[in-house]
Structures are given as structure tokens and as C-alpha cells.
Protein backbone atom coordinates (compact mmCIF):
# COMPACT_ATOMS: atom_id res chain seq x y z
CA MET A 1 0.00 0.00 0.00
CA GLY A 2 2.90 2.37 0.57
CA VAL A 3 4.37 4.43 3.35
CA VAL A 4 1.86 5.90 5.77
CA ASP A 5 2.50 8.82 8.05
CA PHE A 6 2.86 7.85 11.72
CA ASN A 7 -0.11 9.99 12.75
CA THR A 8 -2.31 8.41 10.08
CA ALA A 9 -1.31 4.90 11.16
CA ALA A 10 -1.98 5.74 14.82
CA GLU A 11 -5.40 7.12 13.95
CA TRP A 12 -6.09 4.03 11.85
CA ILE A 13 -5.08 1.79 14.75
CA ASN A 14 -7.40 3.59 17.16
CA ALA A 15 -10.33 3.66 14.73
CA THR A 16 -9.96 -0.01 13.84
CA ARG A 17 -9.54 -1.06 17.46
CA ILE A 18 -12.77 0.71 18.40
CA THR A 19 -14.84 -0.60 15.49
CA ALA A 20 -13.45 -4.13 15.35
CA ASN A 21 -12.75 -4.58 19.09
CA ILE A 22 -9.34 -6.16 18.40
CA SER A 23 -6.52 -6.24 20.91
CA HIS A 24 -3.79 -3.63 20.51
CA THR A 25 -0.96 -6.20 20.09
CA ASN A 26 -2.75 -8.12 17.36
CA LEU A 27 -3.68 -4.89 15.56
CA LYS A 28 -0.15 -3.52 15.81
CA SER A 29 1.28 -6.59 14.11
CA ARG A 30 -1.40 -6.41 11.40
CA VAL A 31 -0.61 -2.76 10.69
CA PHE A 32 3.11 -3.49 10.58
CA THR A 33 2.60 -6.13 7.91
CA LEU A 34 0.38 -3.80 5.89
CA TYR A 35 2.56 -0.72 6.36
CA PRO A 36 6.08 -1.90 7.17
CA PHE A 37 7.51 1.61 7.32
CA CYS A 38 4.82 3.35 9.37
CA TYR A 39 6.68 2.85 12.65
CA CYS A 40 9.94 4.18 11.14
CA VAL A 41 8.56 7.47 9.86
CA HIS A 42 9.36 9.35 13.06
CA ARG A 43 13.00 8.32 12.62
CA MET A 44 12.95 9.40 8.96
CA ARG A 45 11.64 12.92 9.67
CA PRO A 46 15.03 14.50 10.52
CA MET A 47 16.61 12.94 7.42
CA LEU A 48 13.71 14.07 5.22
CA PHE A 49 13.97 17.56 6.74
CA ILE A 50 17.68 17.79 5.93
CA LEU A 51 17.10 16.32 2.46
CA GLY A 52 14.34 18.88 1.90
CA TRP A 53 16.73 21.74 2.66
CA LEU A 54 19.43 20.24 0.42
CA LEU A 55 16.93 19.93 -2.43
CA PHE A 56 15.69 23.46 -1.80
CA GLY A 57 19.30 24.68 -1.96
CA LEU A 58 19.85 22.89 -5.28
CA GLY A 59 16.63 24.37 -6.62
CA PHE A 60 17.66 27.84 -5.49
CA VAL A 61 21.04 27.46 -7.20
CA GLY A 62 19.12 26.31 -10.28
CA VAL A 63 17.56 29.77 -10.52
CA PHE A 64 21.00 31.18 -11.33
CA VAL A 65 22.68 28.21 -13.05
CA PRO A 66 20.98 27.52 -16.39
CA VAL A 67 21.81 23.82 -16.59
CA LEU A 68 20.39 22.98 -13.15
CA PRO A 69 16.57 22.71 -13.09
CA THR A 70 14.66 24.49 -10.33
CA THR A 71 11.15 23.05 -10.34
CA PRO A 72 11.98 19.33 -9.92
CA PHE A 73 14.17 20.10 -6.92
CA MET A 74 11.48 22.31 -5.42
CA LEU A 75 8.87 19.58 -5.94
CA LEU A 76 11.11 17.05 -4.20
CA ALA A 77 11.82 19.52 -1.40
CA LEU A 78 8.08 20.08 -1.00
CA TRP A 79 7.55 16.30 -0.79
CA CYS A 80 10.25 15.99 1.89
CA PHE A 81 8.82 18.89 3.89
CA ALA A 82 5.31 17.40 3.64
CA ARG A 83 6.61 14.35 5.49
CA SER A 84 8.89 16.13 7.94
CA SER A 85 7.66 19.64 8.77
CA GLU A 86 4.22 21.14 8.27
CA ARG A 87 5.67 24.60 8.89
CA PHE A 88 8.25 24.46 6.10
CA HIS A 89 5.85 22.65 3.76
CA ALA A 90 3.40 25.53 4.14
CA TRP A 91 6.24 28.04 3.78
CA LEU A 92 7.49 26.55 0.51
CA TYR A 93 3.99 25.89 -0.83
CA THR A 94 3.05 29.56 -0.34
CA HIS A 95 6.50 30.98 -1.17
CA ARG A 96 6.47 34.31 -2.99
CA VAL A 97 8.67 33.07 -5.86
CA PHE A 98 8.26 29.29 -6.01
CA GLY A 99 4.80 28.83 -4.51
CA GLN A 100 2.60 29.54 -7.53
CA THR A 101 4.43 27.04 -9.75
CA LEU A 102 4.33 24.37 -7.03
CA GLN A 103 0.62 24.96 -6.41
CA GLN A 104 -0.23 24.79 -10.11
CA TYR A 105 1.74 21.57 -10.52
CA HIS A 106 0.18 20.07 -7.40
CA ARG A 107 -3.40 20.95 -8.36
CA HIS A 108 -3.39 20.43 -12.13
CA ARG A 109 0.01 18.96 -13.11
CA VAL A 110 0.64 22.18 -15.06
CA ILE A 111 4.03 23.45 -16.22
CA PRO A 112 3.81 27.10 -17.34
CA VAL A 113 4.83 28.00 -20.90
CA VAL A 114 7.72 30.17 -19.73
CA ALA A 115 9.14 27.33 -17.62
CA LYS A 116 8.76 24.93 -20.56
CA PHE A 117 10.49 27.35 -22.91
CA PHE A 118 13.48 27.98 -20.66
CA ALA A 119 13.81 24.32 -19.66
CA LEU A 120 13.87 23.19 -23.28
CA LEU A 121 16.14 26.06 -24.32
CA PHE A 122 18.73 25.26 -21.66
CA MET A 123 18.46 21.52 -22.23
CA THR A 124 19.02 22.00 -25.96
CA SER A 125 21.93 24.41 -25.51
CA SER A 126 23.56 22.08 -22.97
CA LEU A 127 23.14 19.13 -25.32
CA VAL A 128 24.60 21.05 -28.27
CA TYR A 129 27.54 22.08 -26.11
CA LEU A 130 28.09 18.48 -25.03
CA LEU A 131 27.83 17.05 -28.54
CA VAL A 132 29.85 19.71 -30.37
CA PHE A 133 32.46 21.08 -28.00
CA LEU A 134 33.22 18.37 -25.42
CA LYS A 135 35.23 15.28 -26.12
CA THR A 136 33.44 12.57 -24.19
CA ALA A 137 32.73 8.92 -24.78
CA VAL A 138 29.95 8.07 -27.20
CA TRP A 139 28.01 6.16 -24.52
CA VAL A 140 27.97 9.31 -22.34
CA LYS A 141 26.59 11.35 -25.21
CA VAL A 142 23.93 8.72 -25.90
CA LEU A 143 23.00 8.49 -22.22
CA VAL A 144 22.73 12.27 -21.80
CA THR A 145 20.79 12.64 -25.06
CA GLY A 146 18.35 9.91 -24.00
CA SER A 147 17.81 11.36 -20.53
CA MET A 148 17.29 14.85 -21.95
CA ALA A 149 14.85 13.46 -24.50
CA LEU A 150 12.88 11.82 -21.68
CA GLY A 151 12.94 15.08 -19.73
CA ALA A 152 11.76 17.04 -22.76
CA TRP A 153 8.99 14.51 -23.39
CA PHE A 154 7.85 14.81 -19.77
CA ILE A 155 7.85 18.61 -19.91
CA LEU A 156 5.97 18.75 -23.21
CA SER A 157 3.43 16.13 -22.10
CA LYS A 158 2.15 18.37 -19.29
CA PRO A 159 -0.47 21.06 -19.96
CA SER A 160 0.56 24.71 -19.95
CA LEU A 161 -2.60 26.15 -18.41
CA PRO A 162 -4.91 24.96 -15.63
CA PRO A 163 -8.27 23.64 -16.91
CA GLU A 164 -10.24 26.75 -15.90
CA GLU A 165 -7.78 29.06 -17.70
CA ALA A 166 -7.56 27.04 -20.89
CA PRO A 167 -9.27 28.73 -23.85
CA GLU A 168 -12.56 27.19 -24.94
CA PRO A 169 -12.51 25.51 -28.38
CA GLU A 170 -14.94 27.11 -30.82
């Protein structure tokens, strides 16, 4: 089923114990087999918090370094903060610079046209630089070209406008 937050698992335990009248020990072992990581989440929170800040830092550097993407790192940072700190999740989700893009992606899986344009522009320029000016092994060039093609496909497969802002077909 996946990883469940510790609070959610505790609430599930209490709700199931009340409705099914099952002993706490039996229920705890049943939950552990269904959600093997739910009792480890409290130990993961500090690591996810630190990882969230590292990803935020990479995303922030990506604002100034054209080859480094910003949005994927911010999305991963938001995911880490959602599992480690409600305060910093809310801060990043409503951030003055990054918040609107994160909210649009979260709600509608939208990547704005400007972000698509610059992502594809910098990916293409980086690929041209790699293929023309750098002397690297052919397998490296093929690997980078393939990964950039997958990234470009992902970017182009997402809508540019939320459904309510999309123009109506005539």
C-alpha cells in the first residue's frame, strides 16, 4: 500500500480497534505487515527535513545556473517537507517566488509555458555544447541525449494552463 504517516497509522489503529474490538498487540502486528515503514517514519523525519533543505538549496542554485533545473528540486523539497515539517511545507507551498508554480503543478500537473520554454532552451543548448564542443565517450553522449529526450517529453506532455484558464474551443 505504501508508506503511511505515523499519525495516520496511529489514527487508523485507534479507529480499527474501536470498530473491530481487536486487541492492541494483534492490531499492531497487522498494521506493521500492511505498512512496514509506518513505525519508522518518526525516525525518517530528521533525514527528510535535511534532504528537503538540500533539495531546496539545489533548486535555489538552479535559478542562477541555467543547466540545473529548479522546479523538480522544489517539488522534491516540497515532498520531503510534507513528510517532515508542516511549517516548512506551508512556507514553501506559499512561497512568494516558487509557490505559484508548485501549487499549479500540485493541483493540475501544469508546467507554465515560460518554464517549458526555458527548460527546453537550456536543455538544448547544454546538449549542443556536449555534442559539439566536449570530447566525451559516445556512450555518455547517448545516455545524456536519452535522458534529456525523456525530460523534454515529460515537460511537453504536461499542460501549460490549468483547466479553468484554458481557452474554450470554438
